[in-house]
Protein backbone atom coordinates (compact mmCIF):
# COMPACT_ATOMS: atom_id res chain seq x y z
CA MET A 1 0.04 -0.40 0.37
CA ALA A 2 1.23 3.29 -0.68
CA ASP A 3 0.30 6.90 0.02
CA LEU A 4 -0.97 8.76 -2.73
CA ASP A 5 0.06 11.97 -1.64
CA SER A 6 3.42 11.07 -1.99
CA GLN A 7 2.86 9.76 -5.66
CA VAL A 8 1.51 13.29 -7.13
CA GLU A 9 3.13 16.38 -7.09
CA LEU A 10 1.05 18.67 -5.39
CA PRO A 11 1.40 22.70 -4.23
CA VAL A 12 2.45 23.12 -0.42
CA GLY A 13 -0.29 23.07 1.74
CA PHE A 14 -2.07 21.00 -0.42
CA PHE A 15 -3.44 16.81 -0.21
CA LEU A 16 -5.75 14.68 -1.76
CA ALA A 17 -9.06 14.45 -0.34
CA PRO A 18 -10.27 11.43 1.41
CA GLY A 19 -14.19 12.17 -0.52
CA LEU A 20 -12.24 10.98 -3.79
CA HIS A 21 -12.96 7.81 -5.34
CA VAL A 22 -9.28 7.09 -6.33
CA GLN A 23 -8.42 3.78 -8.45
CA ILE A 24 -5.30 2.84 -9.81
CA ASN A 25 -4.50 1.02 -13.16
CA ASN A 26 -2.30 -2.08 -13.91
CA VAL A 27 0.46 0.77 -15.34
CA GLY A 28 -0.03 2.38 -12.05
CA GLN A 29 -1.55 5.55 -13.13
CA VAL A 30 -3.90 7.25 -10.55
CA ALA A 31 -7.31 7.99 -11.77
CA ALA A 32 -9.67 9.71 -9.34
CA SER A 33 -13.02 11.05 -9.17
CA ILE A 34 -14.67 13.60 -6.63
CA ILE A 35 -17.91 12.53 -5.10
CA PRO A 36 -20.28 15.20 -4.58
CA GLU A 37 -21.33 15.97 -0.60
CA PRO A 38 -24.92 16.37 -0.14
CA GLN A 39 -24.02 20.06 1.14
CA SER A 40 -22.83 20.52 -2.34
CA TYR A 41 -26.13 19.89 -4.16
CA ALA A 42 -27.91 22.16 -1.21
CA LEU A 43 -25.60 25.03 -2.31
CA ILE A 44 -25.96 24.77 -5.71
CA LEU A 45 -30.14 24.65 -5.41
CA ALA A 46 -29.68 27.56 -3.15
CA GLY A 47 -27.68 29.64 -5.64
CA LEU A 48 -30.40 28.55 -8.17
CA ILE A 49 -33.20 29.73 -5.98
CA LEU A 50 -31.35 33.02 -5.19
CA VAL A 51 -30.61 33.81 -9.24
CA GLY A 52 -34.19 32.97 -9.83
CA PHE A 53 -35.45 35.42 -7.18
CA ILE A 54 -33.46 38.14 -8.62
CA VAL A 55 -34.43 37.63 -12.22
CA ARG A 56 -37.85 37.29 -11.09
CA ARG A 57 -37.89 40.99 -9.08
CA LYS A 58 -35.77 42.41 -11.96
CA SER A 59 -38.55 41.40 -14.50
CA MET A 60 -41.12 42.95 -11.98
CA VAL A 61 -39.52 46.29 -11.94
CA THR A 62 -39.22 46.88 -15.51
């Protein structure tokens, strides 16, 4: 087992998050995909609602 943080070059202070889905192929290449957390979906939904509110408010003013 190898520490993946030591296998990639990251800027100082950065590290691989434990929420990543990581796979290593037969050649030794690391493929990682980010698994969004529920808070991310809630934040996106809140942003869309806010944008919709602003657009509706601007259309009522003009």
